[in-house]
Protein backbone atom coordinates (compact mmCIF):
# COMPACT_ATOMS: atom_id res chain seq x y z
CA MET A 1 -3.27 -15.27 23.81
CA THR A 2 -5.64 -12.37 23.85
CA GLN A 3 -8.17 -10.71 21.72
CA ALA A 4 -7.00 -7.67 20.26
CA THR A 5 -8.09 -5.17 17.39
CA SER A 6 -6.78 -6.79 14.14
CA THR A 7 -4.42 -4.30 12.13
CA ALA A 8 -2.62 -4.58 8.62
CA TYR A 9 0.74 -5.62 10.53
CA SER A 10 -0.83 -8.21 12.72
CA ARG A 11 -2.61 -9.77 9.86
CA ASP A 12 0.84 -9.54 7.83
CA LEU A 13 2.53 -11.27 10.76
CA GLY A 14 0.12 -13.97 11.28
CA ASP A 15 0.26 -14.88 7.66
CA GLU A 16 3.88 -15.19 8.01
CA LEU A 17 3.52 -17.77 10.76
CA ARG A 18 0.85 -19.62 8.60
CA LEU A 19 3.63 -19.83 5.81
CA LEU A 20 6.16 -21.13 8.14
CA ARG A 21 3.86 -23.70 9.31
CA GLU A 22 2.87 -24.69 5.98
CA ARG A 23 6.67 -24.81 4.91
CA PHE A 24 8.14 -26.65 8.19
CA SER A 25 5.36 -29.03 8.83
CA THR A 26 2.91 -31.28 7.08
CA LEU A 27 -0.06 -30.37 9.18
CA ASN A 28 -3.17 -28.22 8.68
CA GLY A 29 -4.23 -25.44 11.32
CA ARG A 30 -6.42 -27.83 13.39
CA LYS A 31 -3.48 -30.61 13.47
CA PHE A 32 -1.07 -28.27 14.43
CA ALA A 33 -3.19 -26.75 17.20
CA ILE A 34 -3.62 -30.31 18.56
CA GLN A 35 0.13 -31.01 18.35
CA LEU A 36 0.61 -27.99 20.56
CA GLY A 37 -2.33 -28.59 22.91
CA TRP A 38 -4.21 -25.66 21.73
CA ASP A 39 -7.77 -25.17 20.74
CA PRO A 40 -8.09 -25.04 17.16
CA SER A 41 -9.42 -21.53 16.87
CA LYS A 42 -6.35 -20.44 18.61
CA VAL A 43 -4.10 -21.16 15.70
CA SER A 44 -6.66 -19.54 13.36
CA ASN A 45 -7.09 -16.36 15.39
CA ILE A 46 -3.14 -15.89 15.61
CA GLU A 47 -2.47 -16.77 11.97
CA ASN A 48 -5.19 -14.36 10.99
CA GLY A 49 -4.01 -11.38 12.99
CA LYS A 50 -7.18 -11.28 15.08
CA ALA A 51 -5.46 -12.33 18.66
CA ARG A 52 -2.16 -11.32 20.11
CA ALA A 53 0.00 -14.49 20.95
CA SER A 54 1.84 -14.32 24.05
CA GLU A 55 5.86 -14.94 24.33
CA ILE A 56 5.08 -18.31 25.40
CA ASP A 57 2.73 -18.97 22.32
CA LEU A 58 5.10 -17.86 19.85
CA ALA A 59 8.18 -19.99 21.40
CA GLN A 60 5.80 -22.94 21.15
CA TYR A 61 4.50 -22.16 17.59
CA LEU A 62 8.01 -21.45 16.36
CA THR A 63 9.52 -24.34 18.03
CA ALA A 64 7.20 -26.54 16.51
CA CYS A 65 8.10 -25.15 12.99
CA GLY A 66 11.75 -25.68 13.76
CA GLN A 67 13.01 -22.24 14.26
CA ASP A 68 15.82 -21.44 16.57
CA ILE A 69 16.16 -18.69 19.32
CA GLU A 70 17.70 -16.06 16.89
CA PHE A 71 14.55 -16.34 14.77
CA PHE A 72 12.43 -16.15 17.85
CA ASP A 73 14.09 -12.97 19.14
CA ASP A 74 13.83 -11.58 15.74
CA PHE A 75 10.14 -12.34 15.30
CA LYS A 76 8.97 -11.38 18.68
CA ARG A 77 10.79 -7.98 18.19
CA ARG A 78 8.62 -7.23 15.08
CA TYR A 79 5.53 -8.74 16.90
CA TYR A 80 5.86 -6.45 19.67
CA ASN A 81 4.04 -3.55 17.98
CA ALA A 82 1.77 -5.64 15.65
CA PHE A 83 -1.56 -4.52 17.09
CA ASP A 84 -0.62 -0.98 17.50
CA LEU A 85 -3.19 1.31 15.82
CA VAL A 86 -0.41 3.51 14.24
CA CYS A 87 2.57 1.52 12.55
CA ALA A 88 5.51 2.94 10.80
CA GLN A 89 7.90 0.73 8.32
CA THR A 90 10.90 1.46 6.05
CA LEU A 91 9.87 1.65 2.31
CA SER A 92 12.01 -1.53 1.60
CA SER A 93 9.33 -3.60 3.72
CA LEU A 94 6.36 -4.14 1.11
CA ARG A 95 4.55 -7.28 2.53
CA THR A 96 2.10 -5.28 4.68
CA LEU A 97 1.37 -2.76 2.02
CA ALA A 98 0.99 -5.46 -0.44
CA MET A 99 -1.14 -7.48 1.71
CA THR A 100 -3.45 -4.54 2.58
CA GLU A 101 -3.83 -3.64 -1.22
CA SER A 102 -4.72 -7.27 -2.02
CA THR A 103 -7.29 -7.65 0.58
CA ALA A 104 -8.88 -4.33 0.40
CA THR A 105 -12.33 -3.95 -0.99
CA LYS A 106 -12.22 -0.17 -1.80
CA ILE A 107 -9.15 1.93 -2.30
CA THR A 108 -9.31 5.67 -2.20
CA SER A 109 -6.17 7.69 -2.66
CA TYR A 110 -4.81 11.25 -3.02
CA GLU A 111 -1.41 12.32 -4.47
CA PRO A 112 -0.34 15.97 -4.25
CA ALA A 113 3.21 15.30 -5.95
CA SER A 114 3.44 12.07 -7.76
CA HIS A 115 1.27 9.46 -9.47
CA PRO A 116 -0.42 6.69 -7.68
CA GLY A 117 2.07 3.64 -7.40
CA LEU A 118 -0.75 1.31 -8.68
CA LEU A 119 -0.82 3.51 -12.01
CA GLN A 120 2.82 3.96 -12.60
CA THR A 121 4.66 2.41 -15.51
CA LYS A 122 7.82 0.59 -14.52
CA GLN A 123 10.34 3.32 -16.06
CA PHE A 124 8.29 5.99 -14.36
CA ALA A 125 8.69 4.16 -11.05
CA ARG A 126 12.21 3.82 -11.34
CA GLU A 127 12.74 7.31 -12.05
CA VAL A 128 10.72 8.44 -9.11
CA LEU A 129 12.49 5.96 -6.94
CA ALA A 130 15.93 7.02 -8.07
CA GLU A 131 15.06 10.73 -7.91
CA GLY A 132 14.85 10.37 -4.16
CA GLY A 133 18.51 9.44 -3.68
CA VAL A 134 17.88 7.33 -0.80
CA HIS A 135 17.95 3.67 -2.72
CA THR A 136 20.85 1.84 -4.11
CA PRO A 137 20.35 1.00 -7.97
CA GLU A 138 19.62 -2.52 -6.79
CA ASP A 139 16.80 -1.44 -4.32
CA VAL A 140 15.43 0.84 -6.96
CA GLU A 141 15.17 -1.97 -9.46
CA ARG A 142 13.60 -4.12 -6.67
CA LEU A 143 11.14 -1.62 -5.46
CA ALA A 144 10.24 -0.60 -9.01
CA GLU A 145 9.40 -4.36 -9.99
CA ALA A 146 7.37 -4.73 -6.60
CA ARG A 147 5.50 -1.77 -7.61
CA ILE A 148 4.33 -3.32 -10.99
CA GLU A 149 3.59 -6.66 -9.23
CA ARG A 150 1.33 -5.09 -6.88
CA GLN A 151 -0.79 -3.48 -9.74
CA THR A 152 -2.19 -7.04 -10.47
CA VAL A 153 -5.09 -6.10 -7.90
CA LEU A 154 -6.50 -3.96 -10.42
CA ARG A 155 -6.66 -6.64 -13.32
CA ARG A 156 -8.45 -9.10 -10.85
CA PRO A 157 -11.88 -10.26 -11.49
CA PHE A 158 -12.98 -9.11 -8.15
CA ARG A 159 -10.88 -6.21 -8.05
CA PRO A 160 -11.37 -3.45 -5.25
CA ASP A 161 -13.39 -0.31 -6.14
CA CYS A 162 -10.73 2.37 -6.58
CA LEU A 163 -10.79 6.21 -6.96
CA PHE A 164 -7.37 7.99 -7.31
CA TYR A 165 -7.14 11.83 -6.81
CA ILE A 166 -4.26 13.39 -8.38
CA HIS A 167 -3.26 16.92 -8.10
CA GLU A 168 -2.51 18.72 -11.24
CA LEU A 169 0.95 19.60 -9.70
CA ALA A 170 1.83 16.08 -9.89
CA LEU A 171 1.29 16.19 -13.53
CA ARG A 172 3.57 18.95 -14.10
CA GLN A 173 6.66 17.15 -12.23
CA ARG A 174 9.05 15.96 -14.96
CA VAL A 175 10.96 13.10 -13.54
CA ALA A 176 11.72 11.32 -16.76
CA ASN A 177 12.61 11.92 -20.54
CA ALA A 178 9.74 12.91 -22.89
CA GLN A 179 9.14 9.34 -23.82
CA ALA A 180 8.66 7.90 -20.45
CA MET A 181 6.46 10.92 -19.46
CA GLU A 182 4.17 10.22 -22.42
CA ASP A 183 3.92 6.62 -21.61
CA GLN A 184 3.11 7.24 -18.04
CA TYR A 185 0.48 10.02 -19.24
CA LEU A 186 -1.08 7.20 -21.38
CA ARG A 187 -0.90 4.67 -18.54
CA LEU A 188 -3.25 7.07 -16.83
CA MET A 189 -5.24 7.57 -19.72
CA CYS A 190 -6.10 4.05 -19.66
CA HIS A 191 -7.63 4.54 -16.08
CA THR A 192 -9.33 7.72 -16.61
CA HIS A 193 -12.90 6.03 -15.08
CA ILE A 194 -11.16 5.82 -11.79
CA ILE A 195 -8.96 9.27 -11.70
CA ARG A 196 -10.03 12.53 -10.80
CA ILE A 197 -7.66 15.57 -11.52
CA VAL A 198 -7.39 18.27 -8.49
CA PRO A 199 -6.75 21.26 -10.74
CA LEU A 200 -3.83 23.87 -10.17
CA ASP A 201 -6.19 26.54 -8.77
CA VAL A 202 -6.52 24.46 -5.71
CA GLY A 203 -3.94 25.08 -3.32
CA THR A 204 -1.86 22.46 -1.44
CA ALA A 205 -1.43 24.06 1.95
CA SER A 206 -3.95 21.78 3.62
CA LEU A 207 -3.49 18.92 1.08
CA GLU A 208 0.40 18.42 0.92
CA THR A 209 0.39 15.06 1.93
CA ASN A 210 -0.31 11.71 0.16
CA PHE A 211 -2.83 9.39 1.94
CA THR A 212 -4.83 6.51 0.91
CA LEU A 213 -7.89 4.88 2.73
CA TYR A 214 -8.09 1.13 2.37
CA GLU A 215 -11.70 -0.37 3.31
CA PHE A 216 -12.43 -4.15 4.13
CA ASP A 217 -15.41 -6.26 4.32
CA LYS A 218 -14.35 -7.86 7.83
CA ALA A 219 -11.68 -5.22 9.08
CA ALA A 220 -11.31 -1.83 10.44
CA PRO A 221 -10.44 0.78 7.49
CA ILE A 222 -6.76 1.66 7.19
CA VAL A 223 -5.13 5.21 6.22
CA PHE A 224 -1.77 4.97 4.79
CA SER A 225 0.86 7.41 3.93
CA GLU A 226 4.26 7.24 2.84
CA THR A 227 7.60 9.45 2.31
CA ASN A 228 10.88 8.41 0.60
CA LEU A 229 11.81 6.90 3.91
CA VAL A 230 8.84 5.47 5.78
CA GLN A 231 5.38 3.98 5.57
CA VAL A 232 2.65 4.57 7.95
CA PHE A 233 -0.50 2.79 8.61
CA ALA A 234 -3.02 3.98 11.00
CA GLN A 235 -6.46 2.92 11.84
CA ASP A 236 -7.01 5.21 14.81
CA ASP A 237 -10.79 6.26 14.64
CA ALA A 238 -10.00 9.87 14.66
CA VAL A 239 -7.42 9.53 11.83
CA VAL A 240 -9.76 7.63 9.68
CA LYS A 241 -12.57 10.11 10.14
CA GLN A 242 -10.16 13.05 9.07
CA CYS A 243 -9.16 10.95 6.07
CA ARG A 244 -12.70 10.55 5.07
CA ASP A 245 -13.54 14.40 5.59
CA MET A 246 -10.63 15.24 3.26
CA PHE A 247 -11.76 12.73 0.66
CA GLU A 248 -15.33 14.54 0.76
CA ARG A 249 -13.51 17.68 0.10
CA LEU A 250 -11.64 16.70 -2.62
CA GLU A 251 -14.83 15.54 -4.24
CA THR A 252 -16.15 19.02 -4.39
CA LEU A 253 -12.65 20.28 -5.64
CA ALA A 254 -11.69 17.60 -8.12
CA LEU A 255 -12.65 17.70 -11.81
CA ASP A 256 -15.43 14.96 -13.01
CA GLU A 257 -14.41 12.12 -15.25
CA GLU A 258 -14.58 14.01 -18.24
CA ARG A 259 -12.54 17.08 -17.49
CA SER A 260 -10.12 14.97 -15.86
CA LYS A 261 -9.65 13.10 -18.99
CA SER A 262 -9.45 16.44 -20.96
CA LYS A 263 -6.74 17.57 -18.81
CA LEU A 264 -4.60 14.48 -19.23
CA VAL A 265 -5.11 14.96 -23.05
CA GLU A 266 -3.72 18.47 -22.55
CA TYR A 267 -0.54 17.48 -21.13
CA ILE A 268 -0.07 14.67 -23.81
CA ASN A 269 -0.53 16.99 -26.57
CA ALA A 270 1.94 19.55 -24.90
CA LEU A 271 4.65 17.05 -24.66
CA ARG A 272 4.03 15.88 -28.25
CA GLU A 273 4.03 19.37 -29.63
CA ALA A 274 7.07 20.68 -27.86
CA PRO A 275 9.62 21.14 -30.38
CA ASP A 276 12.65 19.95 -28.35
CA GLY A 277 10.82 17.06 -26.65
CA SER A 278 10.70 18.99 -23.32
CA ARG A 279 7.43 20.31 -21.63
CA ALA A 280 5.73 22.98 -23.21
């Protein structure tokens, strides 16, 4: 075992190990460590993603959980890059993102072409996921459901401080029928205290990619970005600084809370006033 910088993925895989221990043994972390002949802190550090387990450590741990060589080989493959400061995953893998959101104390995001996943209705999420053309209908439903389940972090008593910057171009994107779009606008209206609209006259040349900054009490901040195909987690210091600089810029460009709310009202009214139900 070697000490290493904790990452979103190392914490995710460490938690996966913890779940295996709890499922396949009756031992708590301390007793499990004693059974393996380890110092109790070793199990804690590995399960919390704070230390990199060696190949031998993983073999001993997983064997004690009753796992076979096939499981060991698969886990070792995934674990190999767990402590990389930049990590890419397929969109179908949502554990790391869900854990990152659920442990963050502050979430700041920017969306240039869509609405934040944490603020989407299920119908809107379905349409956005289906529009990409890369997911099967079954995956669209599963991913949309997961997107809604992730939104529980906003309803917790001790929820993270959130601020969502949304470019007005995203508001103009029609990805569903009129009723679904109105429902989505109304969902945003319920969260205007944490939404800032970036107006149309602000170009997207240097702001064309979505990005989110997650901050934590006891872990390094993480920058997250995604496309229709891949999710990227980065906690390289230079990337985090660039992200903070972008948010400082957005703060000066975005409308304030009241004007952002008024802008959303404009889009709702335009949708309602269109004679054929299309956007005016």
